[in-house]
Structure formats: C-alpha cells, structure tokens
C-alpha cells in the first residue's frame, strides 16, 4: 500500500477546514500562516511513504505524539 500526500493540497485543506476565530486581520493571517506551515511540513514528513497497515498505524501514533499545535 502506498500513501501519496500532496503537501500543498493538504495544507490548503487544513487551513480551509480550520478558520481563525480572530477578528483582527493580522492575527488571522498569522494563525493561518502558522497552520499552513505546520500542515505542509507534516504532510512532507509523511508524503510518498510505502507502507502497510501496521506502518499506517505507527504513522498515526507518531502524528498524535508529535504534539504539534495546529490551531
């Protein structure tokens, strides 16, 4: 099984799915940029991984343990 993740598309989806709650334009931009960069880097880290079901479970476990603040 192979997982192919387009980091740019993934980051776009993450930002779209998690809109900022701030009303200040600069805060919105900062939050969105930070979220985009974190999502992009995370996707790059796991992009194009040849894996089986066991490896996928391990990847999910690692992502949860990464303690990245995406919001």
PDB file of N, CA and C in Angstrom:
ATOM      1  N   UNK A   1       0.851  -1.170   0.000  1.00  0.00           N
ATOM      2  CA  UNK A   1       0.000   0.000   0.000  1.00  0.00           C
ATOM      3  C   UNK A   1       0.899   1.236   0.000  1.00  0.00           C
ATOM      4  N   UNK A   2       0.519   2.251  -0.720  1.00  0.00           N
ATOM      5  CA  UNK A   2       1.312   3.461  -0.804  1.00  0.00           C
ATOM      6  C   UNK A   2       0.444   4.671  -0.472  1.00  0.00           C
ATOM      7  N   UNK A   3       0.981   5.552   0.328  1.00  0.00           N
ATOM      8  CA  UNK A   3       0.277   6.782   0.668  1.00  0.00           C
ATOM      9  C   UNK A   3       0.977   7.921  -0.061  1.00  0.00           C
ATOM     10  N   UNK A   4       0.225   8.661  -0.841  1.00  0.00           N
ATOM     11  CA  UNK A   4       0.774   9.817  -1.544  1.00  0.00           C
ATOM     12  C   UNK A   4       0.016  11.057  -1.096  1.00  0.00           C
ATOM     13  N   UNK A   5       0.723  11.969  -0.471  1.00  0.00           N
ATOM     14  CA  UNK A   5       0.111  13.191   0.048  1.00  0.00           C
ATOM     15  C   UNK A   5       0.738  14.383  -0.656  1.00  0.00           C
ATOM     16  N   UNK A   6      -0.090  15.220  -1.231  1.00  0.00           N
ATOM     17  CA  UNK A   6       0.389  16.476  -1.811  1.00  0.00           C
ATOM     18  C   UNK A   6       0.407  17.502  -0.675  1.00  0.00           C
ATOM     19  N   UNK A   7       1.591  17.894  -0.195  1.00  0.00           N
ATOM     20  CA  UNK A   7       1.666  18.797   0.951  1.00  0.00           C
ATOM     21  C   UNK A   7       0.903  20.110   0.769  1.00  0.00           C
ATOM     22  N   UNK A   8       0.970  20.691  -0.416  1.00  0.00           N
ATOM     23  CA  UNK A   8       0.285  21.963  -0.657  1.00  0.00           C
ATOM     24  C   UNK A   8      -1.230  21.789  -0.565  1.00  0.00           C
ATOM     25  N   UNK A   9      -1.746  20.748  -1.201  1.00  0.00           N
ATOM     26  CA  UNK A   9      -3.189  20.498  -1.173  1.00  0.00           C
ATOM     27  C   UNK A   9      -3.648  20.196   0.254  1.00  0.00           C
ATOM     28  N   UNK A  10      -2.878  19.391   0.971  1.00  0.00           N
ATOM     29  CA  UNK A  10      -3.216  19.066   2.350  1.00  0.00           C
ATOM     30  C   UNK A  10      -3.255  20.326   3.212  1.00  0.00           C
ATOM     31  N   UNK A  11      -2.226  21.158   3.095  1.00  0.00           N
ATOM     32  CA  UNK A  11      -2.171  22.384   3.896  1.00  0.00           C
ATOM     33  C   UNK A  11      -3.334  23.318   3.558  1.00  0.00           C
ATOM     34  N   UNK A  12      -3.674  23.428   2.276  1.00  0.00           N
ATOM     35  CA  UNK A  12      -4.831  24.234   1.867  1.00  0.00           C
ATOM     36  C   UNK A  12      -6.107  23.739   2.535  1.00  0.00           C
ATOM     37  N   UNK A  13      -6.295  22.426   2.539  1.00  0.00           N
ATOM     38  CA  UNK A  13      -7.486  21.830   3.140  1.00  0.00           C
ATOM     39  C   UNK A  13      -7.524  22.063   4.647  1.00  0.00           C
ATOM     40  N   UNK A  14      -6.386  21.932   5.303  1.00  0.00           N
ATOM     41  CA  UNK A  14      -6.328  22.130   6.754  1.00  0.00           C
ATOM     42  C   UNK A  14      -6.703  23.566   7.110  1.00  0.00           C
ATOM     43  N   UNK A  15      -6.151  24.537   6.395  1.00  0.00           N
ATOM     44  CA  UNK A  15      -6.457  25.940   6.673  1.00  0.00           C
ATOM     45  C   UNK A  15      -7.934  26.229   6.398  1.00  0.00           C
ATOM     46  N   UNK A  16      -8.456  25.698   5.310  1.00  0.00           N
ATOM     47  CA  UNK A  16      -9.864  25.913   4.963  1.00  0.00           C
ATOM     48  C   UNK A  16     -10.793  25.303   6.016  1.00  0.00           C
ATOM     49  N   UNK A  17     -10.427  24.146   6.525  1.00  0.00           N
ATOM     50  CA  UNK A  17     -11.271  23.442   7.489  1.00  0.00           C
ATOM     51  C   UNK A  17     -11.172  24.020   8.903  1.00  0.00           C
ATOM     52  N   UNK A  18     -10.196  24.888   9.138  1.00  0.00           N
ATOM     53  CA  UNK A  18      -9.980  25.441  10.477  1.00  0.00           C
ATOM     54  C   UNK A  18      -9.852  26.960  10.423  1.00  0.00           C
ATOM     55  N   UNK A  19     -10.952  27.639  10.145  1.00  0.00           N
ATOM     56  CA  UNK A  19     -10.886  29.103  10.038  1.00  0.00           C
ATOM     57  C   UNK A  19     -10.540  29.758  11.383  1.00  0.00           C
ATOM     58  N   UNK A  20      -9.874  30.879  11.313  1.00  0.00           N
ATOM     59  CA  UNK A  20      -9.494  31.622  12.507  1.00  0.00           C
ATOM     60  C   UNK A  20     -10.728  32.196  13.182  1.00  0.00           C
ATOM     61  N   UNK A  21     -10.674  32.270  14.495  1.00  0.00           N
ATOM     62  CA  UNK A  21     -11.776  32.855  15.256  1.00  0.00           C
ATOM     63  C   UNK A  21     -11.504  34.329  15.583  1.00  0.00           C
ATOM     64  N   UNK A  22     -10.334  34.794  15.209  1.00  0.00           N
ATOM     65  CA  UNK A  22      -9.946  36.171  15.477  1.00  0.00           C
ATOM     66  C   UNK A  22     -10.667  37.130  14.546  1.00  0.00           C
ATOM     67  N   UNK A  23     -10.802  38.369  15.013  1.00  0.00           N
ATOM     68  CA  UNK A  23     -11.412  39.398  14.169  1.00  0.00           C
ATOM     69  C   UNK A  23     -10.357  40.347  13.598  1.00  0.00           C
ATOM     70  N   UNK A  24      -9.155  40.283  14.122  1.00  0.00           N
ATOM     71  CA  UNK A  24      -8.062  41.131  13.657  1.00  0.00           C
ATOM     72  C   UNK A  24      -7.408  40.499  12.422  1.00  0.00           C
ATOM     73  N   UNK A  25      -7.315  41.260  11.356  1.00  0.00           N
ATOM     74  CA  UNK A  25      -6.787  40.737  10.088  1.00  0.00           C
ATOM     75  C   UNK A  25      -5.371  40.199  10.228  1.00  0.00           C
ATOM     76  N   UNK A  26      -4.534  40.890  10.985  1.00  0.00           N
ATOM     77  CA  UNK A  26      -3.147  40.434  11.153  1.00  0.00           C
ATOM     78  C   UNK A  26      -3.092  39.121  11.940  1.00  0.00           C
ATOM     79  N   UNK A  27      -3.908  39.011  12.968  1.00  0.00           N
ATOM     80  CA  UNK A  27      -3.961  37.767  13.745  1.00  0.00           C
ATOM     81  C   UNK A  27      -4.458  36.607  12.881  1.00  0.00           C
ATOM     82  N   UNK A  28      -5.451  36.869  12.048  1.00  0.00           N
ATOM     83  CA  UNK A  28      -5.980  35.840  11.149  1.00  0.00           C
ATOM     84  C   UNK A  28      -4.881  35.362  10.213  1.00  0.00           C
ATOM     85  N   UNK A  29      -4.136  36.319   9.646  1.00  0.00           N
ATOM     86  CA  UNK A  29      -3.055  35.970   8.724  1.00  0.00           C
ATOM     87  C   UNK A  29      -1.972  35.157   9.431  1.00  0.00           C
ATOM     88  N   UNK A  30      -1.588  35.565  10.630  1.00  0.00           N
ATOM     89  CA  UNK A  30      -0.554  34.852  11.380  1.00  0.00           C
ATOM     90  C   UNK A  30      -0.995  33.434  11.719  1.00  0.00           C
ATOM     91  N   UNK A  31      -2.221  33.295  12.215  1.00  0.00           N
ATOM     92  CA  UNK A  31      -2.739  31.973  12.573  1.00  0.00           C
ATOM     93  C   UNK A  31      -2.815  31.069  11.341  1.00  0.00           C
ATOM     94  N   UNK A  32      -3.311  31.631  10.255  1.00  0.00           N
ATOM     95  CA  UNK A  32      -3.454  30.853   9.025  1.00  0.00           C
ATOM     96  C   UNK A  32      -2.094  30.429   8.486  1.00  0.00           C
ATOM     97  N   UNK A  33      -1.130  31.325   8.523  1.00  0.00           N
ATOM     98  CA  UNK A  33       0.217  31.012   8.039  1.00  0.00           C
ATOM     99  C   UNK A  33       0.867  29.938   8.899  1.00  0.00           C
ATOM    100  N   UNK A  34       0.747  30.068  10.208  1.00  0.00           N
ATOM    101  CA  UNK A  34       1.325  29.074  11.114  1.00  0.00           C
ATOM    102  C   UNK A  34       0.677  27.702  10.889  1.00  0.00           C
ATOM    103  N   UNK A  35      -0.625  27.696  10.745  1.00  0.00           N
ATOM    104  CA  UNK A  35      -1.347  26.450  10.497  1.00  0.00           C
ATOM    105  C   UNK A  35      -0.935  25.840   9.163  1.00  0.00           C
ATOM    106  N   UNK A  36      -0.836  26.669   8.130  1.00  0.00           N
ATOM    107  CA  UNK A  36      -0.441  26.199   6.797  1.00  0.00           C
ATOM    108  C   UNK A  36       0.956  25.573   6.834  1.00  0.00           C
ATOM    109  N   UNK A  37       1.899  26.278   7.446  1.00  0.00           N
ATOM    110  CA  UNK A  37       3.277  25.779   7.502  1.00  0.00           C
ATOM    111  C   UNK A  37       3.352  24.463   8.267  1.00  0.00           C
ATOM    112  N   UNK A  38       2.684  24.385   9.408  1.00  0.00           N
ATOM    113  CA  UNK A  38       2.697  23.145  10.187  1.00  0.00           C
ATOM    114  C   UNK A  38       2.080  21.992   9.406  1.00  0.00           C
ATOM    115  N   UNK A  39       0.968  22.246   8.746  1.00  0.00           N
ATOM    116  CA  UNK A  39       0.311  21.194   7.965  1.00  0.00           C
ATOM    117  C   UNK A  39       1.181  20.773   6.785  1.00  0.00           C
ATOM    118  N   UNK A  40       1.792  21.722   6.124  1.00  0.00           N
ATOM    119  CA  UNK A  40       2.656  21.435   4.976  1.00  0.00           C
ATOM    120  C   UNK A  40       3.842  20.567   5.409  1.00  0.00           C
ATOM    121  N   UNK A  41       4.498  20.974   6.495  1.00  0.00           N
ATOM    122  CA  UNK A  41       5.667  20.225   6.987  1.00  0.00           C
ATOM    123  C   UNK A  41       5.280  18.815   7.423  1.00  0.00           C
ATOM    124  N   UNK A  42       4.144  18.692   8.068  1.00  0.00           N
ATOM    125  CA  UNK A  42       3.676  17.383   8.495  1.00  0.00           C
ATOM    126  C   UNK A  42       3.405  16.490   7.294  1.00  0.00           C
ATOM    127  N   UNK A  43       2.758  17.047   6.276  1.00  0.00           N
ATOM    128  CA  UNK A  43       2.473  16.273   5.064  1.00  0.00           C
ATOM    129  C   UNK A  43       3.769  15.886   4.356  1.00  0.00           C
ATOM    130  N   UNK A  44       4.724  16.806   4.301  1.00  0.00           N
ATOM    131  CA  UNK A  44       6.016  16.492   3.674  1.00  0.00           C
ATOM    132  C   UNK A  44       6.711  15.342   4.402  1.00  0.00           C
ATOM    133  N   UNK A  45       6.597  15.363   5.690  1.00  0.00           N
ATOM    134  CA  UNK A  45       7.253  14.345   6.513  1.00  0.00           C
ATOM    135  C   UNK A  45       6.729  12.946   6.199  1.00  0.00           C
ATOM    136  N   UNK A  46       5.450  12.851   5.864  1.00  0.00           N
ATOM    137  CA  UNK A  46       4.834  11.553   5.625  1.00  0.00           C
ATOM    138  C   UNK A  46       4.440  11.329   4.164  1.00  0.00           C
ATOM    139  N   UNK A  47       4.820  12.223   3.271  1.00  0.00           N
ATOM    140  CA  UNK A  47       4.457  12.105   1.857  1.00  0.00           C
ATOM    141  C   UNK A  47       5.178  10.929   1.202  1.00  0.00           C
ATOM    142  N   UNK A  48       4.475  10.272   0.308  1.00  0.00           N
ATOM    143  CA  UNK A  48       5.042   9.206  -0.516  1.00  0.00           C
ATOM    144  C   UNK A  48       5.696   8.086   0.291  1.00  0.00           C
ATOM    145  N   UNK A  49       5.036   7.664   1.326  1.00  0.00           N
ATOM    146  CA  UNK A  49       5.545   6.579   2.158  1.00  0.00           C
ATOM    147  C   UNK A  49       4.956   5.266   1.661  1.00  0.00           C
ATOM    148  N   UNK A  50       5.813   4.321   1.343  1.00  0.00           N
ATOM    149  CA  UNK A  50       5.339   2.979   1.042  1.00  0.00           C
ATOM    150  C   UNK A  50       5.083   2.318   2.382  1.00  0.00           C
ATOM    151  N   UNK A  51       3.886   1.828   2.565  1.00  0.00           N
ATOM    152  CA  UNK A  51       3.524   1.347   3.884  1.00  0.00           C
ATOM    153  C   UNK A  51       2.544   0.191   3.824  1.00  0.00           C
ATOM    154  N   UNK A  52       2.388  -0.486   4.917  1.00  0.00           N
ATOM    155  CA  UNK A  52       1.333  -1.475   5.066  1.00  0.00           C
ATOM    156  C   UNK A  52       0.447  -1.015   6.217  1.00  0.00           C
ATOM    157  N   UNK A  53      -0.550  -1.782   6.588  1.00  0.00           N
ATOM    158  CA  UNK A  53      -1.481  -1.357   7.636  1.00  0.00           C
ATOM    159  C   UNK A  53      -0.777  -1.095   8.958  1.00  0.00           C
ATOM    160  N   UNK A  54       0.191  -1.936   9.310  1.00  0.00           N
ATOM    161  CA  UNK A  54       0.916  -1.756  10.559  1.00  0.00           C
ATOM    162  C   UNK A  54       1.661  -0.423  10.550  1.00  0.00           C
ATOM    163  N   UNK A  55       2.320  -0.109   9.434  1.00  0.00           N
ATOM    164  CA  UNK A  55       3.059   1.141   9.336  1.00  0.00           C
ATOM    165  C   UNK A  55       2.129   2.340   9.418  1.00  0.00           C
ATOM    166  N   UNK A  56       0.952   2.242   8.811  1.00  0.00           N
ATOM    167  CA  UNK A  56      -0.011   3.345   8.856  1.00  0.00           C
ATOM    168  C   UNK A  56      -0.415   3.626  10.297  1.00  0.00           C
ATOM    169  N   UNK A  57      -0.656   2.587  11.076  1.00  0.00           N
ATOM    170  CA  UNK A  57      -1.000   2.760  12.486  1.00  0.00           C
ATOM    171  C   UNK A  57       0.143   3.429  13.235  1.00  0.00           C
ATOM    172  N   UNK A  58       1.362   3.057  12.917  1.00  0.00           N
ATOM    173  CA  UNK A  58       2.524   3.671  13.558  1.00  0.00           C
ATOM    174  C   UNK A  58       2.638   5.151  13.192  1.00  0.00           C
ATOM    175  N   UNK A  59       2.359   5.473  11.932  1.00  0.00           N
ATOM    176  CA  UNK A  59       2.413   6.871  11.494  1.00  0.00           C
ATOM    177  C   UNK A  59       1.378   7.692  12.248  1.00  0.00           C
ATOM    178  N   UNK A  60       0.171   7.175  12.359  1.00  0.00           N
ATOM    179  CA  UNK A  60      -0.890   7.887  13.085  1.00  0.00           C
ATOM    180  C   UNK A  60      -0.477   8.094  14.535  1.00  0.00           C
ATOM    181  N   UNK A  61       0.115   7.095  15.137  1.00  0.00           N
ATOM    182  CA  UNK A  61       0.590   7.196  16.517  1.00  0.00           C
ATOM    183  C   UNK A  61       1.657   8.286  16.637  1.00  0.00           C
ATOM    184  N   UNK A  62       2.585   8.324  15.692  1.00  0.00           N
ATOM    185  CA  UNK A  62       3.644   9.340  15.702  1.00  0.00           C
ATOM    186  C   UNK A  62       3.065  10.742  15.554  1.00  0.00           C
ATOM    187  N   UNK A  63       2.086  10.886  14.672  1.00  0.00           N
ATOM    188  CA  UNK A  63       1.472  12.199  14.452  1.00  0.00           C
ATOM    189  C   UNK A  63       0.823  12.681  15.742  1.00  0.00           C
ATOM    190  N   UNK A  64       0.114  11.801  16.427  1.00  0.00           N
ATOM    191  CA  UNK A  64      -0.530  12.170  17.689  1.00  0.00           C
ATOM    192  C   UNK A  64       0.506  12.542  18.741  1.00  0.00           C
ATOM    193  N   UNK A  65       1.634  11.855  18.734  1.00  0.00           N
ATOM    194  CA  UNK A  65       2.676  12.119  19.723  1.00  0.00           C
ATOM    195  C   UNK A  65       3.527  13.337  19.363  1.00  0.00           C
ATOM    196  N   UNK A  66       3.446  13.800  18.141  1.00  0.00           N
ATOM    197  CA  UNK A  66       4.271  14.920  17.704  1.00  0.00           C
ATOM    198  C   UNK A  66       3.946  16.200  18.464  1.00  0.00           C
ATOM    199  N   UNK A  67       2.759  16.268  19.048  1.00  0.00           N
ATOM    200  CA  UNK A  67       2.342  17.391  19.847  1.00  0.00           C
ATOM    201  C   UNK A  67       2.464  18.707  19.090  1.00  0.00           C
ATOM    202  N   UNK A  68       2.055  18.688  17.801  1.00  0.00           N
ATOM    203  CA  UNK A  68       2.050  19.917  17.013  1.00  0.00           C
ATOM    204  C   UNK A  68       0.779  20.690  17.288  1.00  0.00           C
ATOM    205  N   UNK A  69       0.916  21.960  17.523  1.00  0.00           N
ATOM    206  CA  UNK A  69      -0.262  22.778  17.739  1.00  0.00           C
ATOM    207  C   UNK A  69      -0.688  23.349  16.383  1.00  0.00           C
ATOM    208  N   UNK A  70      -1.786  22.803  15.851  1.00  0.00           N
ATOM    209  CA  UNK A  70      -2.226  23.189  14.507  1.00  0.00           C
ATOM    210  C   UNK A  70      -3.357  24.198  14.529  1.00  0.00           C
ATOM    211  N   UNK A  71      -3.796  24.589  15.703  1.00  0.00           N
ATOM    212  CA  UNK A  71      -4.872  25.581  15.740  1.00  0.00           C
ATOM    213  C   UNK A  71      -4.469  26.789  16.512  1.00  0.00           C
TER     214      UNK A  71
END
